[in-house]
Amino acid sequence: TLLYTASLRLLGRELGIERILARDWDARINFRRGVVPRMVALQRAFAEWQLEVELHRPMPLSLVLHRRSPEPLPATLIGALHSLTRDSSIAA
């Protein structure tokens, strides 16, 4: 849990995420004002990790992610965010 928290914090900082609230079945991600990631990159990463995306607010971007895989949400979320850091098309 402490390792998950540290990993999410580091990945979030790299991607311009202001806050991540992870629960058992869903997570809410709030991006910093002015950060506009490319939707194609987000869709690709979240679909690959079986996360359903719900748009909560467009500006600043706020998403709710629902787990659709049997894997624990923290591990799934870390995998999805890590794949976003490797995706060169994330920056707007």
PDB file of N, CA and C in Angstrom:
ATOM      1  N   THR A   1       0.818  -1.199   0.000  1.00  0.00           N
ATOM      2  CA  THR A   1       0.000   0.000   0.000  1.00  0.00           C
ATOM      3  C   THR A   1       0.862   1.262   0.000  1.00  0.00           C
ATOM      4  N   LEU A   2       1.905   1.276   0.815  1.00  0.00           N
ATOM      5  CA  LEU A   2       2.807   2.426   0.814  1.00  0.00           C
ATOM      6  C   LEU A   2       3.560   2.514  -0.513  1.00  0.00           C
ATOM      7  N   LEU A   3       3.942   1.363  -1.040  1.00  0.00           N
ATOM      8  CA  LEU A   3       4.616   1.321  -2.337  1.00  0.00           C
ATOM      9  C   LEU A   3       3.680   1.789  -3.448  1.00  0.00           C
ATOM     10  N   TYR A   4       2.415   1.361  -3.400  1.00  0.00           N
ATOM     11  CA  TYR A   4       1.425   1.811  -4.384  1.00  0.00           C
ATOM     12  C   TYR A   4       1.253   3.327  -4.319  1.00  0.00           C
ATOM     13  N   THR A   5       1.166   3.856  -3.120  1.00  0.00           N
ATOM     14  CA  THR A   5       0.982   5.296  -2.940  1.00  0.00           C
ATOM     15  C   THR A   5       2.158   6.077  -3.512  1.00  0.00           C
ATOM     16  N   ALA A   6       3.358   5.645  -3.220  1.00  0.00           N
ATOM     17  CA  ALA A   6       4.550   6.327  -3.732  1.00  0.00           C
ATOM     18  C   ALA A   6       4.620   6.231  -5.254  1.00  0.00           C
ATOM     19  N   SER A   7       4.303   5.065  -5.800  1.00  0.00           N
ATOM     20  CA  SER A   7       4.327   4.887  -7.256  1.00  0.00           C
ATOM     21  C   SER A   7       3.302   5.783  -7.935  1.00  0.00           C
ATOM     22  N   LEU A   8       2.087   5.833  -7.397  1.00  0.00           N
ATOM     23  CA  LEU A   8       1.045   6.688  -7.973  1.00  0.00           C
ATOM     24  C   LEU A   8       1.432   8.159  -7.893  1.00  0.00           C
ATOM     25  N   ARG A   9       2.044   8.557  -6.803  1.00  0.00           N
ATOM     26  CA  ARG A   9       2.463   9.952  -6.646  1.00  0.00           C
ATOM     27  C   ARG A   9       3.519  10.328  -7.686  1.00  0.00           C
ATOM     28  N   LEU A  10       4.509   9.469  -7.889  1.00  0.00           N
ATOM     29  CA  LEU A  10       5.570   9.750  -8.866  1.00  0.00           C
ATOM     30  C   LEU A  10       5.032   9.764 -10.295  1.00  0.00           C
ATOM     31  N   LEU A  11       4.219   8.771 -10.639  1.00  0.00           N
ATOM     32  CA  LEU A  11       3.643   8.726 -11.982  1.00  0.00           C
ATOM     33  C   LEU A  11       2.717   9.914 -12.216  1.00  0.00           C
ATOM     34  N   GLY A  12       1.934  10.253 -11.215  1.00  0.00           N
ATOM     35  CA  GLY A  12       1.023  11.388 -11.330  1.00  0.00           C
ATOM     36  C   GLY A  12       1.752  12.693 -11.561  1.00  0.00           C
ATOM     37  N   ARG A  13       2.839  12.895 -10.854  1.00  0.00           N
ATOM     38  CA  ARG A  13       3.619  14.121 -11.025  1.00  0.00           C
ATOM     39  C   ARG A  13       4.153  14.221 -12.450  1.00  0.00           C
ATOM     40  N   GLU A  14       4.622  13.101 -12.979  1.00  0.00           N
ATOM     41  CA  GLU A  14       5.177  13.093 -14.334  1.00  0.00           C
ATOM     42  C   GLU A  14       4.115  13.380 -15.395  1.00  0.00           C
ATOM     43  N   LEU A  15       2.865  12.979 -15.138  1.00  0.00           N
ATOM     44  CA  LEU A  15       1.784  13.137 -16.113  1.00  0.00           C
ATOM     45  C   LEU A  15       0.960  14.408 -15.916  1.00  0.00           C
ATOM     46  N   GLY A  16       1.279  15.202 -14.906  1.00  0.00           N
ATOM     47  CA  GLY A  16       0.523  16.428 -14.667  1.00  0.00           C
ATOM     48  C   GLY A  16      -0.767  16.194 -13.902  1.00  0.00           C
ATOM     49  N   ILE A  17      -0.791  15.145 -13.098  1.00  0.00           N
ATOM     50  CA  ILE A  17      -1.974  14.828 -12.306  1.00  0.00           C
ATOM     51  C   ILE A  17      -1.859  15.525 -10.958  1.00  0.00           C
ATOM     52  N   GLU A  18      -2.924  16.202 -10.573  1.00  0.00           N
ATOM     53  CA  GLU A  18      -2.935  16.919  -9.300  1.00  0.00           C
ATOM     54  C   GLU A  18      -3.341  16.006  -8.144  1.00  0.00           C
ATOM     55  N   ARG A  19      -4.343  15.148  -8.370  1.00  0.00           N
ATOM     56  CA  ARG A  19      -4.848  14.305  -7.281  1.00  0.00           C
ATOM     57  C   ARG A  19      -5.352  12.975  -7.821  1.00  0.00           C
ATOM     58  N   ILE A  20      -5.062  11.914  -7.080  1.00  0.00           N
ATOM     59  CA  ILE A  20      -5.580  10.580  -7.386  1.00  0.00           C
ATOM     60  C   ILE A  20      -6.242  10.053  -6.123  1.00  0.00           C
ATOM     61  N   LEU A  21      -7.505   9.677  -6.251  1.00  0.00           N
ATOM     62  CA  LEU A  21      -8.235   9.068  -5.145  1.00  0.00           C
ATOM     63  C   LEU A  21      -8.628   7.667  -5.593  1.00  0.00           C
ATOM     64  N   ALA A  22      -7.991   6.660  -5.019  1.00  0.00           N
ATOM     65  CA  ALA A  22      -8.244   5.269  -5.418  1.00  0.00           C
ATOM     66  C   ALA A  22      -9.026   4.552  -4.327  1.00  0.00           C
ATOM     67  N   ARG A  23     -10.098   3.893  -4.750  1.00  0.00           N
ATOM     68  CA  ARG A  23     -10.894   3.062  -3.853  1.00  0.00           C
ATOM     69  C   ARG A  23     -10.834   1.631  -4.373  1.00  0.00           C
ATOM     70  N   ASP A  24     -11.599   0.733  -3.784  1.00  0.00           N
ATOM     71  CA  ASP A  24     -11.539  -0.678  -4.187  1.00  0.00           C
ATOM     72  C   ASP A  24     -11.920  -0.908  -5.644  1.00  0.00           C
ATOM     73  N   TRP A  25     -12.982  -0.261  -6.121  1.00  0.00           N
ATOM     74  CA  TRP A  25     -13.502  -0.543  -7.462  1.00  0.00           C
ATOM     75  C   TRP A  25     -13.341   0.599  -8.447  1.00  0.00           C
ATOM     76  N   ASP A  26     -13.012   1.793  -7.969  1.00  0.00           N
ATOM     77  CA  ASP A  26     -12.852   2.915  -8.883  1.00  0.00           C
ATOM     78  C   ASP A  26     -11.792   3.880  -8.368  1.00  0.00           C
ATOM     79  N   ALA A  27     -11.403   4.788  -9.254  1.00  0.00           N
ATOM     80  CA  ALA A  27     -10.406   5.807  -8.908  1.00  0.00           C
ATOM     81  C   ALA A  27     -10.792   7.104  -9.599  1.00  0.00           C
ATOM     82  N   ARG A  28     -10.506   8.204  -8.949  1.00  0.00           N
ATOM     83  CA  ARG A  28     -10.748   9.509  -9.558  1.00  0.00           C
ATOM     84  C   ARG A  28      -9.402  10.182  -9.762  1.00  0.00           C
ATOM     85  N   ILE A  29      -9.206  10.690 -10.974  1.00  0.00           N
ATOM     86  CA  ILE A  29      -7.952  11.360 -11.330  1.00  0.00           C
ATOM     87  C   ILE A  29      -8.272  12.787 -11.746  1.00  0.00           C
ATOM     88  N   ASN A  30      -7.647  13.753 -11.088  1.00  0.00           N
ATOM     89  CA  ASN A  30      -7.794  15.166 -11.427  1.00  0.00           C
ATOM     90  C   ASN A  30      -6.465  15.669 -11.972  1.00  0.00           C
ATOM     91  N   PHE A  31      -6.496  16.173 -13.192  1.00  0.00           N
ATOM     92  CA  PHE A  31      -5.296  16.745 -13.796  1.00  0.00           C
ATOM     93  C   PHE A  31      -5.169  18.209 -13.374  1.00  0.00           C
ATOM     94  N   ARG A  32      -3.931  18.706 -13.376  1.00  0.00           N
ATOM     95  CA  ARG A  32      -3.690  20.109 -13.054  1.00  0.00           C
ATOM     96  C   ARG A  32      -4.289  21.004 -14.125  1.00  0.00           C
ATOM     97  N   ARG A  33      -4.622  22.212 -13.718  1.00  0.00           N
ATOM     98  CA  ARG A  33      -5.152  23.207 -14.659  1.00  0.00           C
ATOM     99  C   ARG A  33      -4.111  23.447 -15.754  1.00  0.00           C
ATOM    100  N   GLY A  34      -4.548  23.441 -16.995  1.00  0.00           N
ATOM    101  CA  GLY A  34      -3.650  23.659 -18.119  1.00  0.00           C
ATOM    102  C   GLY A  34      -3.069  22.390 -18.713  1.00  0.00           C
ATOM    103  N   VAL A  35      -3.224  21.260 -18.041  1.00  0.00           N
ATOM    104  CA  VAL A  35      -2.736  19.981 -18.566  1.00  0.00           C
ATOM    105  C   VAL A  35      -3.876  19.334 -19.345  1.00  0.00           C
ATOM    106  N   VAL A  36      -3.640  19.125 -20.643  1.00  0.00           N
ATOM    107  CA  VAL A  36      -4.659  18.523 -21.500  1.00  0.00           C
ATOM    108  C   VAL A  36      -4.029  17.346 -22.247  1.00  0.00           C
ATOM    109  N   PRO A  37      -4.110  16.155 -21.673  1.00  0.00           N
ATOM    110  CA  PRO A  37      -3.535  14.988 -22.353  1.00  0.00           C
ATOM    111  C   PRO A  37      -4.369  14.592 -23.567  1.00  0.00           C
ATOM    112  N   ARG A  38      -3.745  13.939 -24.497  1.00  0.00           N
ATOM    113  CA  ARG A  38      -4.449  13.482 -25.697  1.00  0.00           C
ATOM    114  C   ARG A  38      -5.371  12.322 -25.341  1.00  0.00           C
ATOM    115  N   MET A  39      -6.615  12.436 -25.788  1.00  0.00           N
ATOM    116  CA  MET A  39      -7.624  11.429 -25.459  1.00  0.00           C
ATOM    117  C   MET A  39      -7.296  10.062 -26.053  1.00  0.00           C
ATOM    118  N   VAL A  40      -6.680  10.042 -27.223  1.00  0.00           N
ATOM    119  CA  VAL A  40      -6.327   8.763 -27.855  1.00  0.00           C
ATOM    120  C   VAL A  40      -5.360   7.985 -26.969  1.00  0.00           C
ATOM    121  N   ALA A  41      -4.381   8.678 -26.419  1.00  0.00           N
ATOM    122  CA  ALA A  41      -3.407   8.021 -25.539  1.00  0.00           C
ATOM    123  C   ALA A  41      -4.077   7.517 -24.267  1.00  0.00           C
ATOM    124  N   LEU A  42      -4.977   8.325 -23.696  1.00  0.00           N
ATOM    125  CA  LEU A  42      -5.696   7.904 -22.494  1.00  0.00           C
ATOM    126  C   LEU A  42      -6.566   6.681 -22.776  1.00  0.00           C
ATOM    127  N   GLN A  43      -7.320   6.727 -23.874  1.00  0.00           N
ATOM    128  CA  GLN A  43      -8.198   5.604 -24.222  1.00  0.00           C
ATOM    129  C   GLN A  43      -7.406   4.328 -24.444  1.00  0.00           C
ATOM    130  N   ARG A  44      -6.299   4.441 -25.132  1.00  0.00           N
ATOM    131  CA  ARG A  44      -5.474   3.269 -25.425  1.00  0.00           C
ATOM    132  C   ARG A  44      -4.946   2.637 -24.136  1.00  0.00           C
ATOM    133  N   ALA A  45      -4.394   3.455 -23.267  1.00  0.00           N
ATOM    134  CA  ALA A  45      -3.810   2.938 -22.022  1.00  0.00           C
ATOM    135  C   ALA A  45      -4.874   2.350 -21.105  1.00  0.00           C
ATOM    136  N   PHE A  46      -5.990   3.041 -20.957  1.00  0.00           N
ATOM    137  CA  PHE A  46      -7.017   2.562 -20.037  1.00  0.00           C
ATOM    138  C   PHE A  46      -7.738   1.333 -20.580  1.00  0.00           C
ATOM    139  N   ALA A  47      -7.936   1.255 -21.890  1.00  0.00           N
ATOM    140  CA  ALA A  47      -8.564   0.063 -22.475  1.00  0.00           C
ATOM    141  C   ALA A  47      -7.643  -1.150 -22.353  1.00  0.00           C
ATOM    142  N   GLU A  48      -6.354  -0.931 -22.552  1.00  0.00           N
ATOM    143  CA  GLU A  48      -5.377  -2.012 -22.432  1.00  0.00           C
ATOM    144  C   GLU A  48      -5.386  -2.611 -21.025  1.00  0.00           C
ATOM    145  N   TRP A  49      -5.609  -1.788 -20.024  1.00  0.00           N
ATOM    146  CA  TRP A  49      -5.614  -2.237 -18.626  1.00  0.00           C
ATOM    147  C   TRP A  49      -7.026  -2.474 -18.099  1.00  0.00           C
ATOM    148  N   GLN A  50      -8.006  -2.527 -18.975  1.00  0.00           N
ATOM    149  CA  GLN A  50      -9.402  -2.839 -18.646  1.00  0.00           C
ATOM    150  C   GLN A  50      -9.983  -1.890 -17.603  1.00  0.00           C
ATOM    151  N   LEU A  51      -9.833  -0.607 -17.870  1.00  0.00           N
ATOM    152  CA  LEU A  51     -10.430   0.423 -17.033  1.00  0.00           C
ATOM    153  C   LEU A  51     -11.472   1.174 -17.852  1.00  0.00           C
ATOM    154  N   GLU A  52     -12.666   1.285 -17.327  1.00  0.00           N
ATOM    155  CA  GLU A  52     -13.727   2.047 -17.977  1.00  0.00           C
ATOM    156  C   GLU A  52     -13.597   3.501 -17.533  1.00  0.00           C
ATOM    157  N   VAL A  53     -13.673   4.429 -18.478  1.00  0.00           N
ATOM    158  CA  VAL A  53     -13.449   5.844 -18.187  1.00  0.00           C
ATOM    159  C   VAL A  53     -14.771   6.603 -18.195  1.00  0.00           C
ATOM    160  N   GLU A  54     -14.971   7.400 -17.162  1.00  0.00           N
ATOM    161  CA  GLU A  54     -16.138   8.282 -17.064  1.00  0.00           C
ATOM    162  C   GLU A  54     -15.614   9.707 -16.911  1.00  0.00           C
ATOM    163  N   LEU A  55     -16.057  10.603 -17.782  1.00  0.00           N
ATOM    164  CA  LEU A  55     -15.642  12.008 -17.703  1.00  0.00           C
ATOM    165  C   LEU A  55     -16.450  12.691 -16.611  1.00  0.00           C
ATOM    166  N   HIS A  56     -15.755  13.192 -15.618  1.00  0.00           N
ATOM    167  CA  HIS A  56     -16.435  13.877 -14.520  1.00  0.00           C
ATOM    168  C   HIS A  56     -16.489  15.382 -14.787  1.00  0.00           C
ATOM    169  N   ARG A  57     -15.376  15.944 -15.295  1.00  0.00           N
ATOM    170  CA  ARG A  57     -15.306  17.371 -15.584  1.00  0.00           C
ATOM    171  C   ARG A  57     -14.278  17.576 -16.695  1.00  0.00           C
ATOM    172  N   PRO A  58     -14.608  18.402 -17.712  1.00  0.00           N
ATOM    173  CA  PRO A  58     -13.657  18.584 -18.814  1.00  0.00           C
ATOM    174  C   PRO A  58     -12.502  19.544 -18.516  1.00  0.00           C
ATOM    175  N   MET A  59     -12.722  20.605 -17.749  1.00  0.00           N
ATOM    176  CA  MET A  59     -11.657  21.577 -17.487  1.00  0.00           C
ATOM    177  C   MET A  59     -11.655  22.004 -16.039  1.00  0.00           C
ATOM    178  N   PRO A  60     -10.609  21.825 -15.294  1.00  0.00           N
ATOM    179  CA  PRO A  60      -9.503  20.931 -15.601  1.00  0.00           C
ATOM    180  C   PRO A  60      -9.997  19.492 -15.625  1.00  0.00           C
ATOM    181  N   LEU A  61      -9.338  18.693 -16.420  1.00  0.00           N
ATOM    182  CA  LEU A  61      -9.789  17.331 -16.680  1.00  0.00           C
ATOM    183  C   LEU A  61      -9.882  16.507 -15.400  1.00  0.00           C
ATOM    184  N   SER A  62     -11.039  15.875 -15.213  1.00  0.00           N
ATOM    185  CA  SER A  62     -11.269  15.000 -14.066  1.00  0.00           C
ATOM    186  C   SER A  62     -11.961  13.738 -14.571  1.00  0.00           C
ATOM    187  N   LEU A  63     -11.351  12.585 -14.308  1.00  0.00           N
ATOM    188  CA  LEU A  63     -11.864  11.303 -14.784  1.00  0.00           C
ATOM    189  C   LEU A  63     -12.158  10.379 -13.613  1.00  0.00           C
ATOM    190  N   VAL A  64     -13.175   9.535 -13.796  1.00  0.00           N
ATOM    191  CA  VAL A  64     -13.436   8.449 -12.861  1.00  0.00           C
ATOM    192  C   VAL A  64     -13.172   7.163 -13.629  1.00  0.00           C
ATOM    193  N   LEU A  65     -12.315   6.312 -13.088  1.00  0.00           N
ATOM    194  CA  LEU A  65     -11.951   5.052 -13.728  1.00  0.00           C
ATOM    195  C   LEU A  65     -12.565   3.904 -12.940  1.00  0.00           C
ATOM    196  N   HIS A  66     -13.281   3.026 -13.650  1.00  0.00           N
ATOM    197  CA  HIS A  66     -13.912   1.868 -13.022  1.00  0.00           C
ATOM    198  C   HIS A  66     -13.154   0.610 -13.433  1.00  0.00           C
ATOM    199  N   ARG A  67     -12.809  -0.193 -12.473  1.00  0.00           N
ATOM    200  CA  ARG A  67     -12.062  -1.431 -12.716  1.00  0.00           C
ATOM    201  C   ARG A  67     -12.964  -2.459 -13.389  1.00  0.00           C
ATOM    202  N   ARG A  68     -12.477  -3.066 -14.482  1.00  0.00           N
ATOM    203  CA  ARG A  68     -13.207  -4.114 -15.191  1.00  0.00           C
ATOM    204  C   ARG A  68     -12.391  -5.398 -15.282  1.00  0.00           C
ATOM    205  N   SER A  69     -11.299  -5.473 -14.557  1.00  0.00           N
ATOM    206  CA  SER A  69     -10.439  -6.657 -14.575  1.00  0.00           C
ATOM    207  C   SER A  69     -10.402  -7.263 -13.175  1.00  0.00           C
ATOM    208  N   PRO A  70      -9.950  -8.506 -13.070  1.00  0.00           N
ATOM    209  CA  PRO A  70      -9.864  -9.132 -11.747  1.00  0.00           C
ATOM    210  C   PRO A  70      -8.667  -8.654 -10.921  1.00  0.00           C
ATOM    211  N   GLU A  71      -7.769  -7.924 -11.534  1.00  0.00           N
ATOM    212  CA  GLU A  71      -6.574  -7.433 -10.829  1.00  0.00           C
ATOM    213  C   GLU A  71      -6.955  -6.339  -9.827  1.00  0.00           C
ATOM    214  N   PRO A  72      -6.189  -6.188  -8.751  1.00  0.00           N
ATOM    215  CA  PRO A  72      -6.456  -5.106  -7.794  1.00  0.00           C
ATOM    216  C   PRO A  72      -6.316  -3.740  -8.474  1.00  0.00           C
ATOM    217  N   LEU A  73      -7.144  -2.799  -8.079  1.00  0.00           N
ATOM    218  CA  LEU A  73      -7.143  -1.487  -8.725  1.00  0.00           C
ATOM    219  C   LEU A  73      -5.805  -0.759  -8.631  1.00  0.00           C
ATOM    220  N   PRO A  74      -5.123  -0.721  -7.487  1.00  0.00           N
ATOM    221  CA  PRO A  74      -3.848   0.016  -7.456  1.00  0.00           C
ATOM    222  C   PRO A  74      -2.835  -0.503  -8.479  1.00  0.00           C
ATOM    223  N   ALA A  75      -2.702  -1.808  -8.602  1.00  0.00           N
ATOM    224  CA  ALA A  75      -1.753  -2.370  -9.570  1.00  0.00           C
ATOM    225  C   ALA A  75      -2.184  -2.054 -10.998  1.00  0.00           C
ATOM    226  N   THR A  76      -3.479  -2.137 -11.266  1.00  0.00           N
ATOM    227  CA  THR A  76      -4.001  -1.824 -12.596  1.00  0.00           C
ATOM    228  C   THR A  76      -3.768  -0.358 -12.934  1.00  0.00           C
ATOM    229  N   LEU A  77      -4.044   0.517 -11.988  1.00  0.00           N
ATOM    230  CA  LEU A  77      -3.875   1.952 -12.202  1.00  0.00           C
ATOM    231  C   LEU A  77      -2.408   2.313 -12.422  1.00  0.00           C
ATOM    232  N   ILE A  78      -1.522   1.723 -11.652  1.00  0.00           N
ATOM    233  CA  ILE A  78      -0.086   1.966 -11.834  1.00  0.00           C
ATOM    234  C   ILE A  78       0.359   1.499 -13.215  1.00  0.00           C
ATOM    235  N   GLY A  79      -0.098   0.339 -13.647  1.00  0.00           N
ATOM    236  CA  GLY A  79       0.246  -0.158 -14.980  1.00  0.00           C
ATOM    237  C   GLY A  79      -0.244   0.763 -16.081  1.00  0.00           C
ATOM    238  N   ALA A  80      -1.480   1.248 -15.953  1.00  0.00           N
ATOM    239  CA  ALA A  80      -2.044   2.142 -16.967  1.00  0.00           C
ATOM    240  C   ALA A  80      -1.298   3.471 -17.006  1.00  0.00           C
ATOM    241  N   LEU A  81      -1.020   4.044 -15.850  1.00  0.00           N
ATOM    242  CA  LEU A  81      -0.298   5.321 -15.821  1.00  0.00           C
ATOM    243  C   LEU A  81       1.138   5.162 -16.302  1.00  0.00           C
ATOM    244  N   HIS A  82       1.746   4.030 -15.987  1.00  0.00           N
ATOM    245  CA  HIS A  82       3.108   3.777 -16.467  1.00  0.00           C
ATOM    246  C   HIS A  82       3.125   3.680 -17.993  1.00  0.00           C
ATOM    247  N   SER A  83       2.121   3.040 -18.576  1.00  0.00           N
ATOM    248  CA  SER A  83       2.078   2.958 -20.039  1.00  0.00           C
ATOM    249  C   SER A  83       1.841   4.336 -20.650  1.00  0.00           C
ATOM    250  N   LEU A  84       1.153   5.227 -19.938  1.00  0.00           N
ATOM    251  CA  LEU A  84       0.982   6.599 -20.425  1.00  0.00           C
ATOM    252  C   LEU A  84       2.301   7.363 -20.426  1.00  0.00           C
ATOM    253  N   THR A  85       3.153   7.117 -19.445  1.00  0.00           N
ATOM    254  CA  THR A  85       4.440   7.820 -19.410  1.00  0.00           C
ATOM    255  C   THR A  85       5.330   7.394 -20.568  1.00  0.00           C
ATOM    256  N   ARG A  86       5.155   6.170 -21.042  1.00  0.00           N
ATOM    257  CA  ARG A  86       5.953   5.683 -22.173  1.00  0.00           C
ATOM    258  C   ARG A  86       5.386   6.140 -23.509  1.00  0.00           C
ATOM    259  N   ASP A  87       4.141   6.606 -23.524  1.00  0.00           N
ATOM    260  CA  ASP A  87       3.476   7.006 -24.764  1.00  0.00           C
ATOM    261  C   ASP A  87       3.892   8.432 -25.114  1.00  0.00           C
ATOM    262  N   SER A  88       4.550   8.601 -26.236  1.00  0.00           N
ATOM    263  CA  SER A  88       5.048   9.926 -26.630  1.00  0.00           C
ATOM    264  C   SER A  88       3.928  10.869 -27.048  1.00  0.00           C
ATOM    265  N   SER A  89       2.718  10.355 -27.289  1.00  0.00           N
ATOM    266  CA  SER A  89       1.625  11.215 -27.740  1.00  0.00           C
ATOM    267  C   SER A  89       0.796  11.756 -26.585  1.00  0.00           C
ATOM    268  N   ILE A  90       1.225  11.583 -25.340  1.00  0.00           N
ATOM    269  CA  ILE A  90       0.439  12.042 -24.196  1.00  0.00           C
ATOM    270  C   ILE A  90       0.383  13.566 -24.126  1.00  0.00           C
ATOM    271  N   ALA A  91       1.459  14.235 -24.459  1.00  0.00           N
ATOM    272  CA  ALA A  91       1.486  15.696 -24.356  1.00  0.00           C
ATOM    273  C   ALA A  91       0.620  16.331 -25.423  1.00  0.00           C
ATOM    274  N   ALA A  92      -0.092  17.357 -25.029  1.00  0.00           N
ATOM    275  CA  ALA A  92      -0.972  18.053 -25.974  1.00  0.00           C
ATOM    276  C   ALA A  92      -0.200  19.094 -26.753  1.00  0.00           C
TER     277      ALA A  92
END
